[in-house]
Amino acid sequence: MSLKKQDEHDHMGWMQEKQLSPIEKGYLFTLIWLDKRFRIVDYLELLEGLYYRTNLQMPKSHTEQYNLDNKFWYWYPLYALGSFSTIAYVVAAISGALLGFYYSPSTAASLAAGCDATVAYCSIAVIMQDLQFGFMLRSIHRWSAQVMTAAVFLHMLRVYFTGAYKEPRELNWILGIVLISLTMVFGYTGYLLPWDQLAFWAGQIGVEMSLSIPIIGEWVAQLLFGGFSLGQATLQRMYILHVFLLPFVVTSLIAIHIGIVWMQGIAEPH
């Protein structure tokens, strides 16, 4: 007798031994029939696990659970830094998308009256001076980006000093290191977009740092900055990285990061 036939025989024998009612027998027969074809039981167990994960996700605060009211590092709001950085990222993304309607990534000389600079810089000047609520919009984008950077840094410190990087959360710790590195890249590429003196010399430092890499330095400078001197290719690359590539990569990694935290639960302080 095959294993499938044996399982079916065992299920039918169990149903007869339990003296189930016709309704119960019909329900179990239907469930067994569907489970063999569509793995219904597996998905029901998955939904059950998701339900309990959702409802048991937020435990009693650590200050209450461990009576640590006077210990600063176990202050519960420190456990909200990850969510705080995510909110700041969302605000920066929305405000940045709105700024993208008015920004032009071009190093050519502007033909606009009253602005003797590049098109990129003059577009920033228009946002700040002429666009209604433009000053506020750019300020929101700038400050949300800075708040995100600070929150991510403090979040990593909290994870380290509370031992939340240890097994089985070591992979999420590595993912967090990747995210804070990409946050720095986010800040650097955005820093170059106004194409003013600060942006130019920050870009020049980036070129020199790329060239200092052994063996592949010239290749990295060509790829990231479009050459060994700054120009339209540099600004175009920074714009593509900041607006098109990094948002999708960082958003995907944040979703994975939060999903792992959701599955594993919040780490208890060590």
Protein backbone atom coordinates (compact mmCIF):
# COMPACT_ATOMS: atom_id res chain seq x y z
CA MET A 1 0.00 0.00 0.00
CA SER A 2 1.37 3.44 -0.98
CA LEU A 3 1.97 6.16 1.63
CA LYS A 4 -0.85 8.28 0.23
CA LYS A 5 -3.31 5.40 0.40
CA GLN A 6 -2.04 4.55 3.90
CA ASP A 7 -2.61 8.12 5.12
CA GLU A 8 -6.10 8.19 3.64
CA HIS A 9 -6.88 4.83 5.28
CA ASP A 10 -5.58 6.10 8.64
CA HIS A 11 -7.68 9.27 8.42
CA MET A 12 -10.84 7.33 7.58
CA GLY A 13 -10.18 4.87 10.40
CA TRP A 14 -9.66 7.71 12.87
CA MET A 15 -12.95 9.32 11.80
CA GLN A 16 -14.80 6.03 12.34
CA GLU A 17 -13.20 5.43 15.75
CA LYS A 18 -14.16 8.89 17.02
CA GLN A 19 -17.81 8.34 16.05
CA LEU A 20 -18.10 11.78 14.54
CA SER A 21 -21.37 13.26 13.41
CA PRO A 22 -22.10 13.40 9.68
CA ILE A 23 -21.43 17.17 9.65
CA GLU A 24 -18.04 16.72 11.35
CA LYS A 25 -17.17 13.86 9.02
CA GLY A 26 -18.12 15.98 6.01
CA TYR A 27 -16.04 18.89 7.26
CA LEU A 28 -12.97 16.75 7.93
CA PHE A 29 -13.34 14.86 4.65
CA THR A 30 -13.52 18.17 2.75
CA LEU A 31 -10.55 19.58 4.65
CA ILE A 32 -8.45 16.47 4.00
CA TRP A 33 -9.42 16.46 0.32
CA LEU A 34 -8.51 20.13 -0.10
CA ASP A 35 -5.30 19.80 1.95
CA LYS A 36 -3.98 17.07 -0.32
CA ARG A 37 -4.39 19.35 -3.31
CA PHE A 38 -3.88 22.89 -2.00
CA ARG A 39 -2.00 22.51 1.34
CA ILE A 40 -4.86 24.18 3.19
CA VAL A 41 -3.62 23.13 6.63
CA ASP A 42 -0.19 24.65 6.01
CA TYR A 43 -1.74 27.98 5.12
CA LEU A 44 -4.11 27.85 8.08
CA GLU A 45 -1.13 27.32 10.38
CA LEU A 46 0.65 30.23 8.68
CA LEU A 47 -2.38 32.48 9.23
CA GLU A 48 -2.55 31.36 12.84
CA GLY A 49 1.11 32.23 13.34
CA LEU A 50 0.60 35.62 11.68
CA TYR A 51 -2.36 36.31 13.93
CA TYR A 52 -0.42 35.61 17.11
CA ARG A 53 2.63 37.51 15.88
CA THR A 54 0.44 40.54 15.20
CA ASN A 55 -1.39 40.48 18.51
CA LEU A 56 1.65 39.67 20.64
CA GLN A 57 4.08 41.96 18.87
CA MET A 58 4.26 44.78 21.41
CA PRO A 59 5.10 43.46 24.88
CA LYS A 60 4.89 45.32 28.14
CA SER A 61 7.54 48.02 28.23
CA HIS A 62 10.96 46.91 29.40
CA THR A 63 11.01 49.54 32.13
CA GLU A 64 7.85 47.98 33.57
CA GLN A 65 8.86 44.37 32.95
CA TYR A 66 12.33 44.67 34.49
CA ASN A 67 11.69 47.55 36.90
CA LEU A 68 14.39 49.64 35.23
CA ASP A 69 12.83 53.08 35.60
CA ASN A 70 16.17 54.66 36.46
CA LYS A 71 18.21 53.03 33.68
CA PHE A 72 18.51 55.36 30.70
CA TRP A 73 19.54 52.70 28.15
CA TYR A 74 16.45 50.65 28.85
CA TRP A 75 14.12 53.60 28.43
CA TYR A 76 11.39 52.25 26.16
CA PRO A 77 11.20 55.17 23.64
CA LEU A 78 14.70 54.13 22.53
CA TYR A 79 13.02 51.04 21.07
CA ALA A 80 10.99 53.30 18.75
CA LEU A 81 14.01 54.77 16.96
CA GLY A 82 13.64 52.31 14.07
CA SER A 83 10.03 53.37 13.49
CA PHE A 84 11.03 57.01 13.90
CA SER A 85 13.69 56.70 11.21
CA THR A 86 11.20 54.97 8.90
CA ILE A 87 8.69 57.80 9.32
CA ALA A 88 11.44 60.35 8.60
CA TYR A 89 12.35 58.37 5.47
CA VAL A 90 8.74 58.43 4.24
CA VAL A 91 8.54 62.20 4.81
CA ALA A 92 11.83 62.72 2.98
CA ALA A 93 10.65 60.54 0.09
CA ILE A 94 7.34 62.38 -0.33
CA SER A 95 8.90 65.86 -0.06
CA GLY A 96 11.72 64.81 -2.39
CA ALA A 97 9.24 63.56 -4.99
CA LEU A 98 7.50 66.96 -4.88
CA LEU A 99 10.83 68.77 -5.24
CA GLY A 100 11.57 66.64 -8.29
CA PHE A 101 8.82 68.44 -10.22
CA TYR A 102 10.83 71.68 -10.09
CA TYR A 103 14.48 70.55 -10.04
CA SER A 104 16.59 70.30 -13.21
CA PRO A 105 19.85 68.28 -13.03
CA SER A 106 21.91 70.34 -15.45
CA THR A 107 25.29 72.03 -15.15
CA ALA A 108 24.67 74.27 -18.14
CA ALA A 109 24.55 78.03 -17.63
CA SER A 110 21.08 79.22 -16.81
CA LEU A 111 19.34 81.63 -19.19
CA ALA A 112 16.87 82.74 -16.54
CA ALA A 113 16.93 86.41 -15.67
CA GLY A 114 18.44 87.27 -12.31
CA CYS A 115 20.31 83.99 -11.86
CA ASP A 116 23.89 83.90 -13.12
CA ALA A 117 24.63 80.25 -12.27
CA THR A 118 23.94 76.71 -13.46
CA VAL A 119 20.47 75.42 -14.26
CA ALA A 120 20.60 73.09 -11.24
CA TYR A 121 21.44 75.88 -8.80
CA CYS A 122 18.90 78.26 -10.33
CA SER A 123 16.15 75.64 -10.06
CA ILE A 124 16.91 75.40 -6.34
CA ALA A 125 16.78 79.21 -6.13
CA VAL A 126 13.39 79.21 -7.84
CA ILE A 127 12.09 76.63 -5.36
CA MET A 128 13.36 78.62 -2.41
CA GLN A 129 12.36 82.12 -3.60
CA ASP A 130 9.53 81.94 -6.14
CA LEU A 131 7.63 78.70 -5.54
CA GLN A 132 4.77 79.00 -3.09
CA PHE A 133 5.70 77.08 0.07
CA GLY A 134 8.91 76.06 -1.73
CA PHE A 135 11.14 77.16 1.13
CA MET A 136 9.09 75.06 3.54
CA LEU A 137 9.07 72.07 1.18
CA ARG A 138 12.85 72.03 0.77
CA SER A 139 13.33 72.58 4.51
CA ILE A 140 11.06 69.63 5.28
CA HIS A 141 13.06 67.46 2.89
CA ARG A 142 16.38 68.58 4.32
CA TRP A 143 15.44 68.23 7.98
CA SER A 144 13.64 64.92 7.55
CA ALA A 145 16.77 63.55 5.84
CA GLN A 146 18.96 64.77 8.69
CA VAL A 147 16.56 63.43 11.31
CA MET A 148 16.52 60.08 9.53
CA THR A 149 20.31 59.92 9.54
CA ALA A 150 20.49 60.75 13.25
CA ALA A 151 17.69 58.30 14.11
CA VAL A 152 19.34 55.46 12.17
CA PHE A 153 22.65 56.13 13.91
CA LEU A 154 21.02 56.17 17.37
CA HIS A 155 19.01 53.08 16.46
CA MET A 156 22.22 51.20 15.66
CA LEU A 157 23.71 52.32 18.98
CA ARG A 158 20.65 51.12 20.85
CA VAL A 159 20.76 47.74 19.11
CA TYR A 160 24.45 47.37 19.93
CA PHE A 161 24.34 48.41 23.58
CA THR A 162 21.26 46.29 24.33
CA GLY A 163 22.74 43.20 22.65
CA ALA A 164 19.97 42.97 20.05
CA TYR A 165 22.52 42.11 17.34
CA LYS A 166 23.16 38.63 18.77
CA GLU A 167 21.84 35.33 17.52
CA PRO A 168 19.29 34.87 15.98
CA ARG A 169 19.22 38.53 14.90
CA GLU A 170 22.72 38.75 13.45
CA LEU A 171 21.49 38.78 9.84
CA ASN A 172 19.18 41.71 10.58
CA TRP A 173 22.12 43.50 12.21
CA ILE A 174 24.13 43.09 9.00
CA LEU A 175 21.14 44.35 7.04
CA GLY A 176 21.01 47.36 9.35
CA ILE A 177 24.68 48.09 8.62
CA VAL A 178 23.88 48.00 4.90
CA LEU A 179 20.96 50.38 5.45
CA ILE A 180 22.97 52.92 7.43
CA SER A 181 25.65 52.80 4.71
CA LEU A 182 23.03 53.44 2.03
CA THR A 183 21.67 56.28 4.18
CA MET A 184 25.10 57.90 3.99
CA VAL A 185 25.11 57.44 0.21
CA PHE A 186 21.63 58.98 0.11
CA GLY A 187 22.91 62.02 1.97
CA TYR A 188 26.00 62.37 -0.20
CA THR A 189 24.16 62.18 -3.52
CA GLY A 190 21.55 64.66 -2.30
CA TYR A 191 24.30 66.98 -1.06
CA LEU A 192 25.66 67.30 -4.61
CA LEU A 193 22.37 68.10 -6.34
CA PRO A 194 22.30 71.90 -5.67
CA TRP A 195 25.63 72.08 -7.55
CA ASP A 196 26.96 75.00 -5.55
CA GLN A 197 30.48 75.42 -4.18
CA LEU A 198 29.85 73.02 -1.28
CA ALA A 199 28.49 70.41 -3.68
CA PHE A 200 31.34 70.86 -6.14
CA TRP A 201 34.12 70.38 -3.61
CA ALA A 202 32.29 67.53 -1.91
CA GLY A 203 32.14 65.87 -5.33
CA GLN A 204 35.83 66.54 -5.87
CA ILE A 205 36.62 64.85 -2.55
CA GLY A 206 34.54 61.89 -3.71
CA VAL A 207 36.55 61.65 -6.93
CA GLU A 208 39.84 61.73 -5.01
CA MET A 209 38.61 59.07 -2.58
CA SER A 210 37.56 56.86 -5.50
CA LEU A 211 40.94 57.24 -7.18
CA SER A 212 42.68 56.25 -3.94
CA ILE A 213 41.11 52.76 -4.08
CA PRO A 214 43.77 50.23 -5.13
CA ILE A 215 43.49 48.61 -8.57
CA ILE A 216 39.85 49.56 -9.29
CA GLY A 217 40.02 53.25 -8.29
CA GLU A 218 39.93 54.68 -11.80
CA TRP A 219 37.10 52.37 -12.78
CA VAL A 220 35.06 53.41 -9.70
CA ALA A 221 35.64 57.12 -10.47
CA GLN A 222 34.50 56.60 -14.05
CA LEU A 223 31.42 54.70 -12.95
CA LEU A 224 30.25 56.95 -10.11
CA PHE A 225 31.43 60.38 -11.24
CA GLY A 226 31.67 60.02 -15.00
CA GLY A 227 35.38 60.71 -15.08
CA PHE A 228 38.22 62.29 -13.12
CA SER A 229 36.76 65.80 -13.18
CA LEU A 230 33.26 66.96 -12.30
CA GLY A 231 30.70 67.86 -14.93
CA GLN A 232 27.26 67.08 -16.32
CA ALA A 233 27.93 63.34 -16.15
CA THR A 234 28.64 63.63 -12.43
CA LEU A 235 25.43 65.51 -11.63
CA GLN A 236 23.41 63.16 -13.84
CA ARG A 237 24.76 60.12 -12.02
CA MET A 238 24.10 61.63 -8.58
CA TYR A 239 20.55 62.49 -9.64
CA ILE A 240 19.85 58.99 -10.96
CA LEU A 241 21.26 57.40 -7.80
CA HIS A 242 19.36 59.74 -5.48
CA VAL A 243 16.00 59.71 -7.23
CA PHE A 244 15.71 56.43 -9.12
CA LEU A 245 18.06 53.74 -7.78
CA LEU A 246 18.50 54.29 -4.04
CA PRO A 247 14.79 54.80 -3.17
CA PHE A 248 13.82 51.41 -4.59
CA VAL A 249 16.77 49.60 -3.04
CA VAL A 250 16.41 51.23 0.39
CA THR A 251 12.62 50.80 0.45
CA SER A 252 12.96 47.09 -0.36
CA LEU A 253 15.64 46.57 2.30
CA ILE A 254 13.59 48.48 4.90
CA ALA A 255 10.59 46.26 4.15
CA ILE A 256 12.75 43.14 4.60
CA HIS A 257 14.31 44.59 7.77
CA ILE A 258 10.92 45.37 9.32
CA GLY A 259 9.55 42.00 8.23
CA ILE A 260 12.37 40.17 10.02
CA VAL A 261 11.78 42.23 13.18
CA TRP A 262 8.07 41.45 12.93
CA MET A 263 8.74 37.72 12.62
CA GLN A 264 11.38 37.56 15.37
CA GLY A 265 9.79 40.01 17.77
CA ILE A 266 11.44 42.82 19.68
CA ALA A 267 14.69 41.79 21.31
CA GLU A 268 14.78 41.76 25.07
CA PRO A 269 17.57 43.86 26.60
CA HIS A 270 20.66 41.86 27.57
